[in-house]
Protein backbone atom coordinates (compact mmCIF):
# COMPACT_ATOMS: atom_id res chain seq x y z
CA MET A 1 64.51 83.42 -122.51
CA THR A 2 62.19 85.57 -124.56
CA ARG A 3 59.12 84.93 -122.00
CA LEU A 4 61.40 85.14 -118.89
CA ARG A 5 62.12 88.87 -120.24
CA SER A 6 58.50 89.51 -120.41
CA GLU A 7 58.35 89.11 -116.70
CA ALA A 8 61.64 89.87 -115.14
CA LYS A 9 64.84 91.73 -115.50
CA ASP A 10 68.41 91.06 -115.33
CA CYS A 11 68.07 87.73 -117.03
CA TYR A 12 70.52 84.81 -117.59
CA SER A 13 71.30 81.34 -118.23
CA TRP A 14 73.23 78.95 -116.19
CA SER A 15 74.01 75.13 -116.04
CA ASN A 16 75.74 72.64 -113.22
CA GLY A 17 76.62 69.00 -113.78
CA PRO A 18 75.06 65.88 -112.50
CA GLY A 19 74.68 66.06 -108.50
CA ASP A 20 75.84 69.86 -108.12
CA ARG A 21 74.35 70.91 -104.69
CA TYR A 22 73.83 74.78 -103.73
CA ALA A 23 73.61 75.28 -100.01
CA PRO A 24 70.60 77.17 -97.95
CA HIS A 25 70.48 80.57 -99.36
CA SER A 26 67.89 83.23 -100.07
CA HIS A 27 67.65 86.31 -101.69
CA THR A 28 66.19 89.99 -101.30
CA TYR A 29 64.33 89.87 -104.55
CA GLU A 30 61.59 87.70 -106.39
CA LYS A 31 63.13 85.17 -108.41
CA VAL A 32 61.64 83.60 -111.86
CA LEU A 33 63.50 80.36 -112.51
CA TYR A 34 62.61 78.32 -115.78
CA CYS A 35 64.28 74.95 -116.03
CA VAL A 36 65.71 74.53 -119.83
CA ASP A 37 67.30 71.01 -119.81
CA GLY A 38 67.70 68.22 -117.27
CA SER A 39 66.88 68.22 -113.73
CA ILE A 40 67.16 70.10 -110.40
CA THR A 41 65.18 69.56 -107.21
CA PHE A 42 64.84 72.74 -104.88
CA VAL A 43 63.91 72.24 -101.49
CA LEU A 44 62.01 75.42 -99.53
CA GLU A 45 63.46 74.79 -96.06
CA GLY A 46 60.57 76.78 -94.57
CA GLU A 47 57.65 74.77 -95.70
CA ALA A 48 59.80 71.57 -96.03
CA ARG A 49 58.66 70.97 -99.14
CA ARG A 50 61.03 69.53 -102.51
CA LEU A 51 60.29 71.09 -106.21
CA GLU A 52 61.81 68.82 -108.97
CA LEU A 53 62.04 71.19 -112.05
CA LYS A 54 61.95 69.53 -115.32
CA PRO A 55 62.11 71.09 -119.16
CA GLY A 56 59.51 74.10 -119.16
CA ASP A 57 58.61 73.88 -115.76
CA ARG A 58 58.50 77.48 -113.70
CA MET A 59 59.11 78.43 -110.32
CA VAL A 60 58.89 82.09 -108.37
CA LEU A 61 60.55 82.36 -105.13
CA THR A 62 59.32 85.02 -102.91
CA PRO A 63 62.32 87.51 -101.04
CA GLY A 64 63.86 85.91 -98.06
CA THR A 65 62.63 82.35 -98.90
CA ILE A 66 65.12 80.17 -97.97
CA HIS A 67 66.35 77.30 -100.39
CA SER A 68 68.81 74.85 -101.17
CA ALA A 69 68.86 72.72 -104.81
CA VAL A 70 70.24 69.33 -105.88
CA VAL A 71 71.28 69.32 -109.52
CA GLY A 72 69.57 65.91 -111.24
CA SER A 73 71.58 63.03 -112.97
CA GLY A 74 71.81 64.68 -116.22
CA GLY A 75 72.92 67.96 -115.10
CA CYS A 76 70.66 71.04 -115.70
CA THR A 77 70.22 74.40 -117.59
CA CYS A 78 68.23 76.95 -116.04
CA ILE A 79 66.89 80.70 -117.13
CA GLU A 80 66.51 83.25 -114.09
CA GLY A 81 65.91 86.63 -113.45
CA LYS A 82 64.46 89.36 -111.00
CA ARG A 83 61.00 90.73 -110.23
């Protein structure tokens, strides 16, 4: 969290269970996200790209990027903030 706070504001942690899904959506801000535990796969809709994040992986989404996500079989915990 210390590392994230050095590059983003409004930082928080969240967790989801295995197989949980997020429908396609976007944000009005740049999102910085780190996977802390487990895994989660993000699908970047406009680019038809999949990004699987595991512990220690970092992702930055530019404002307006439409994305969805599926949590891995072991669940996940992530931290994120706005930039």
